[in-house]
């Protein structure tokens, strides 16, 4: 079994302050939720040797969302939901193999 990858230490305050300074309205808690999702999903994908698309998660955490006004609580919720559903689908496919 592959070893779980280490998590990345994202700075919730840095990410939150960046987007808020550009007009985003997401709460600091939602930023933390996204960081937690990223770190937990990274562990799962490493343990199960999976590759899952995390484009939007990475875009947000790396402060690369071009339109910061989209940075809202519901935007983060959609990213987590969509990415989580993709992870479940990929995991189920791996289990079915």
N, C-alpha and C. Protein backbone atom coordinates (compact mmCIF):
# COMPACT_ATOMS: atom_id res chain seq x y z
N UNK A 1 0.85 -1.19 0.00
CA UNK A 1 0.00 0.00 0.00
C UNK A 1 0.89 1.24 0.00
N UNK A 2 0.60 2.21 -0.86
CA UNK A 2 1.41 3.42 -0.88
C UNK A 2 1.26 4.20 0.41
N UNK A 3 2.30 4.90 0.73
CA UNK A 3 2.28 5.71 1.94
C UNK A 3 1.48 6.99 1.70
N UNK A 4 0.72 7.40 2.69
CA UNK A 4 -0.08 8.63 2.56
C UNK A 4 0.84 9.82 2.39
N UNK A 5 0.50 10.68 1.47
CA UNK A 5 1.32 11.88 1.24
C UNK A 5 1.13 12.86 2.39
N UNK A 6 2.12 13.68 2.56
CA UNK A 6 2.00 14.69 3.61
C UNK A 6 1.02 15.77 3.15
N UNK A 7 0.41 16.41 4.10
CA UNK A 7 -0.53 17.47 3.78
C UNK A 7 0.24 18.77 3.57
N UNK A 8 -0.39 19.68 2.90
CA UNK A 8 0.21 20.99 2.66
C UNK A 8 -0.32 21.94 3.71
N UNK A 9 0.56 22.74 4.24
CA UNK A 9 0.15 23.70 5.26
C UNK A 9 -0.22 25.03 4.62
N UNK A 10 -1.49 25.14 4.27
CA UNK A 10 -2.00 26.38 3.72
C UNK A 10 -2.30 27.33 4.88
N UNK A 11 -2.11 28.60 4.65
CA UNK A 11 -2.36 29.63 5.67
C UNK A 11 -3.75 30.21 5.46
N UNK A 12 -4.68 29.83 6.32
CA UNK A 12 -6.07 30.26 6.18
C UNK A 12 -6.18 31.78 6.17
N UNK A 13 -5.44 32.45 7.02
CA UNK A 13 -5.50 33.92 7.08
C UNK A 13 -5.00 34.54 5.79
N UNK A 14 -3.92 34.01 5.25
CA UNK A 14 -3.35 34.54 4.02
C UNK A 14 -4.33 34.39 2.85
N UNK A 15 -4.91 33.22 2.71
CA UNK A 15 -5.87 32.97 1.62
C UNK A 15 -7.11 33.84 1.80
N UNK A 16 -7.65 33.85 3.00
CA UNK A 16 -8.84 34.65 3.29
C UNK A 16 -8.58 36.13 3.01
N UNK A 17 -7.50 36.67 3.55
CA UNK A 17 -7.19 38.09 3.37
C UNK A 17 -6.98 38.45 1.91
N UNK A 18 -6.34 37.55 1.16
CA UNK A 18 -6.12 37.81 -0.27
C UNK A 18 -7.44 38.00 -0.99
N UNK A 19 -8.36 37.04 -0.83
CA UNK A 19 -9.63 37.13 -1.56
C UNK A 19 -10.52 38.27 -1.07
N UNK A 20 -10.56 38.50 0.22
CA UNK A 20 -11.37 39.59 0.75
C UNK A 20 -10.85 40.94 0.23
N UNK A 21 -9.53 41.07 0.14
CA UNK A 21 -8.96 42.33 -0.36
C UNK A 21 -9.30 42.56 -1.83
N UNK A 22 -9.70 41.51 -2.53
CA UNK A 22 -10.06 41.60 -3.95
C UNK A 22 -11.57 41.56 -4.16
N UNK A 23 -12.36 41.62 -3.07
CA UNK A 23 -13.81 41.69 -3.19
C UNK A 23 -14.55 40.39 -2.89
N UNK A 24 -13.83 39.34 -2.51
CA UNK A 24 -14.47 38.08 -2.15
C UNK A 24 -15.17 38.19 -0.81
N UNK A 25 -16.18 37.35 -0.60
CA UNK A 25 -16.97 37.44 0.64
C UNK A 25 -17.01 36.14 1.43
N UNK A 26 -16.25 35.13 1.03
CA UNK A 26 -16.28 33.86 1.75
C UNK A 26 -15.77 34.05 3.17
N UNK A 27 -16.31 33.24 4.08
CA UNK A 27 -15.89 33.32 5.48
C UNK A 27 -14.57 32.57 5.68
N UNK A 28 -13.89 32.94 6.73
CA UNK A 28 -12.65 32.27 7.08
C UNK A 28 -12.90 30.78 7.37
N UNK A 29 -14.05 30.46 7.95
CA UNK A 29 -14.39 29.06 8.24
C UNK A 29 -14.48 28.24 6.95
N UNK A 30 -15.05 28.83 5.90
CA UNK A 30 -15.15 28.11 4.62
C UNK A 30 -13.77 27.89 4.01
N UNK A 31 -12.89 28.85 4.17
CA UNK A 31 -11.50 28.66 3.70
C UNK A 31 -10.88 27.50 4.47
N UNK A 32 -11.08 27.46 5.77
CA UNK A 32 -10.55 26.36 6.58
C UNK A 32 -11.17 25.04 6.15
N UNK A 33 -12.46 25.03 5.86
CA UNK A 33 -13.13 23.80 5.39
C UNK A 33 -12.48 23.30 4.10
N UNK A 34 -12.15 24.22 3.20
CA UNK A 34 -11.52 23.82 1.94
C UNK A 34 -10.12 23.27 2.17
N UNK A 35 -9.38 23.89 3.06
CA UNK A 35 -8.04 23.39 3.41
C UNK A 35 -8.16 21.99 4.01
N UNK A 36 -9.11 21.81 4.91
CA UNK A 36 -9.31 20.49 5.52
C UNK A 36 -9.70 19.45 4.47
N UNK A 37 -10.58 19.83 3.56
CA UNK A 37 -10.98 18.92 2.49
C UNK A 37 -9.76 18.51 1.66
N UNK A 38 -8.95 19.49 1.27
CA UNK A 38 -7.75 19.21 0.46
C UNK A 38 -6.82 18.25 1.18
N UNK A 39 -6.55 18.53 2.44
CA UNK A 39 -5.62 17.68 3.19
C UNK A 39 -6.17 16.28 3.39
N UNK A 40 -7.45 16.17 3.70
CA UNK A 40 -8.05 14.84 3.90
C UNK A 40 -8.16 14.07 2.60
N UNK A 41 -8.54 14.72 1.52
CA UNK A 41 -8.66 14.02 0.24
C UNK A 41 -7.28 13.60 -0.26
N UNK A 42 -6.26 14.37 0.03
CA UNK A 42 -4.90 13.99 -0.36
C UNK A 42 -4.47 12.71 0.31
N UNK A 43 -4.85 12.55 1.57
CA UNK A 43 -4.53 11.31 2.29
C UNK A 43 -5.25 10.12 1.66
N UNK A 44 -6.53 10.28 1.37
CA UNK A 44 -7.33 9.20 0.79
C UNK A 44 -6.78 8.79 -0.57
N UNK A 45 -6.51 9.77 -1.41
CA UNK A 45 -6.03 9.44 -2.75
C UNK A 45 -4.66 8.76 -2.70
N UNK A 46 -3.82 9.15 -1.75
CA UNK A 46 -2.51 8.52 -1.62
C UNK A 46 -2.65 7.08 -1.13
N UNK A 47 -3.49 6.87 -0.15
CA UNK A 47 -3.67 5.52 0.40
C UNK A 47 -4.23 4.57 -0.65
N UNK A 48 -5.19 5.05 -1.44
CA UNK A 48 -5.84 4.20 -2.44
C UNK A 48 -5.17 4.29 -3.81
N UNK A 49 -4.09 5.06 -3.90
CA UNK A 49 -3.36 5.23 -5.16
C UNK A 49 -4.30 5.72 -6.26
N UNK A 50 -5.02 6.79 -5.97
CA UNK A 50 -5.98 7.37 -6.90
C UNK A 50 -5.50 8.72 -7.42
N UNK A 51 -5.99 9.06 -8.58
CA UNK A 51 -5.79 10.40 -9.11
C UNK A 51 -7.18 11.02 -9.26
N UNK A 52 -7.39 12.15 -8.61
CA UNK A 52 -8.67 12.82 -8.65
C UNK A 52 -8.43 14.28 -9.04
N UNK A 53 -9.30 14.78 -9.90
CA UNK A 53 -9.18 16.16 -10.34
C UNK A 53 -9.48 17.10 -9.16
N UNK A 54 -8.53 17.94 -8.84
CA UNK A 54 -8.74 18.92 -7.77
C UNK A 54 -8.43 20.33 -8.29
N UNK A 55 -8.73 20.55 -9.56
CA UNK A 55 -8.40 21.82 -10.21
C UNK A 55 -8.89 23.03 -9.43
N UNK A 56 -10.20 23.07 -9.13
CA UNK A 56 -10.74 24.25 -8.46
C UNK A 56 -10.27 24.38 -7.02
N UNK A 57 -10.10 23.26 -6.35
CA UNK A 57 -9.56 23.30 -4.98
C UNK A 57 -8.18 23.95 -5.01
N UNK A 58 -7.35 23.46 -5.93
CA UNK A 58 -5.99 24.00 -6.03
C UNK A 58 -5.99 25.47 -6.47
N UNK A 59 -6.87 25.82 -7.41
CA UNK A 59 -6.96 27.21 -7.86
C UNK A 59 -7.24 28.15 -6.69
N UNK A 60 -8.21 27.79 -5.87
CA UNK A 60 -8.57 28.64 -4.73
C UNK A 60 -7.42 28.72 -3.73
N UNK A 61 -6.89 27.57 -3.35
CA UNK A 61 -5.86 27.56 -2.31
C UNK A 61 -4.55 28.22 -2.76
N UNK A 62 -4.32 28.23 -4.05
CA UNK A 62 -3.11 28.88 -4.58
C UNK A 62 -3.37 30.32 -5.02
N UNK A 63 -4.55 30.82 -4.67
CA UNK A 63 -4.96 32.21 -4.95
C UNK A 63 -4.90 32.51 -6.44
N UNK A 64 -5.48 31.60 -7.23
CA UNK A 64 -5.45 31.75 -8.68
C UNK A 64 -6.84 31.86 -9.31
N UNK A 65 -7.85 32.15 -8.51
CA UNK A 65 -9.20 32.37 -9.05
C UNK A 65 -9.20 33.77 -9.66
N UNK A 66 -9.42 33.86 -10.98
CA UNK A 66 -9.28 35.16 -11.64
C UNK A 66 -10.32 36.20 -11.21
N UNK A 67 -11.52 35.78 -10.85
CA UNK A 67 -12.57 36.72 -10.46
C UNK A 67 -12.86 36.53 -8.97
N UNK A 68 -12.22 37.32 -8.14
CA UNK A 68 -12.32 37.15 -6.70
C UNK A 68 -13.73 37.35 -6.16
N UNK A 69 -14.60 38.05 -6.91
CA UNK A 69 -15.98 38.23 -6.45
C UNK A 69 -16.73 36.90 -6.41
N UNK A 70 -16.25 35.91 -7.14
CA UNK A 70 -16.85 34.57 -7.09
C UNK A 70 -16.51 33.84 -5.80
N UNK A 71 -15.58 34.38 -5.05
CA UNK A 71 -15.10 33.73 -3.83
C UNK A 71 -16.09 33.95 -2.69
N UNK A 72 -17.13 33.09 -2.66
CA UNK A 72 -18.19 33.18 -1.66
C UNK A 72 -18.29 31.84 -0.93
N UNK A 73 -19.04 31.82 0.15
CA UNK A 73 -19.26 30.55 0.87
C UNK A 73 -19.89 29.50 -0.03
N UNK A 74 -20.87 29.90 -0.84
CA UNK A 74 -21.54 28.92 -1.70
C UNK A 74 -20.60 28.41 -2.79
N UNK A 75 -19.69 29.24 -3.28
CA UNK A 75 -18.69 28.81 -4.26
C UNK A 75 -17.80 27.73 -3.66
N UNK A 76 -17.34 27.95 -2.44
CA UNK A 76 -16.49 26.96 -1.77
C UNK A 76 -17.29 25.68 -1.51
N UNK A 77 -18.53 25.82 -1.09
CA UNK A 77 -19.37 24.62 -0.87
C UNK A 77 -19.52 23.81 -2.15
N UNK A 78 -19.73 24.50 -3.28
CA UNK A 78 -19.86 23.80 -4.57
C UNK A 78 -18.57 23.08 -4.94
N UNK A 79 -17.44 23.71 -4.69
CA UNK A 79 -16.15 23.09 -5.00
C UNK A 79 -15.97 21.82 -4.17
N UNK A 80 -16.25 21.90 -2.88
CA UNK A 80 -16.10 20.74 -2.00
C UNK A 80 -17.07 19.64 -2.40
N UNK A 81 -18.31 19.98 -2.69
CA UNK A 81 -19.31 18.99 -3.08
C UNK A 81 -18.93 18.31 -4.39
N UNK A 82 -18.58 19.11 -5.39
CA UNK A 82 -18.22 18.55 -6.69
C UNK A 82 -16.96 17.68 -6.60
N UNK A 83 -15.96 18.18 -5.91
CA UNK A 83 -14.72 17.41 -5.75
C UNK A 83 -14.95 16.15 -4.92
N UNK A 84 -15.77 16.27 -3.89
CA UNK A 84 -16.09 15.10 -3.06
C UNK A 84 -16.83 14.04 -3.84
N UNK A 85 -17.78 14.46 -4.68
CA UNK A 85 -18.51 13.50 -5.51
C UNK A 85 -17.57 12.80 -6.49
N UNK A 86 -16.64 13.54 -7.05
CA UNK A 86 -15.65 12.97 -7.96
C UNK A 86 -14.78 11.95 -7.24
N UNK A 87 -14.40 12.28 -6.02
CA UNK A 87 -13.58 11.36 -5.21
C UNK A 87 -14.35 10.08 -4.92
N UNK A 88 -15.62 10.19 -4.57
CA UNK A 88 -16.44 9.01 -4.29
C UNK A 88 -16.57 8.13 -5.54
N UNK A 89 -16.82 8.76 -6.68
CA UNK A 89 -16.97 8.02 -7.94
C UNK A 89 -15.67 7.29 -8.28
N UNK A 90 -14.56 7.98 -8.14
CA UNK A 90 -13.26 7.38 -8.44
C UNK A 90 -12.96 6.24 -7.46
N UNK A 91 -13.27 6.44 -6.19
CA UNK A 91 -13.05 5.41 -5.17
C UNK A 91 -13.90 4.19 -5.47
N UNK A 92 -15.17 4.41 -5.80
CA UNK A 92 -16.06 3.28 -6.12
C UNK A 92 -15.55 2.49 -7.33
N UNK A 93 -15.05 3.20 -8.34
CA UNK A 93 -14.50 2.53 -9.51
C UNK A 93 -13.30 1.67 -9.14
N UNK A 94 -12.47 2.19 -8.25
CA UNK A 94 -11.28 1.44 -7.81
C UNK A 94 -11.71 0.20 -7.03
N UNK A 95 -12.72 0.34 -6.19
CA UNK A 95 -13.20 -0.79 -5.39
C UNK A 95 -13.83 -1.85 -6.29
N UNK A 96 -14.56 -1.40 -7.31
CA UNK A 96 -15.23 -2.33 -8.24
C UNK A 96 -14.25 -3.11 -9.11
N UNK A 97 -13.04 -2.57 -9.29
CA UNK A 97 -12.04 -3.26 -10.12
C UNK A 97 -11.56 -4.48 -9.47
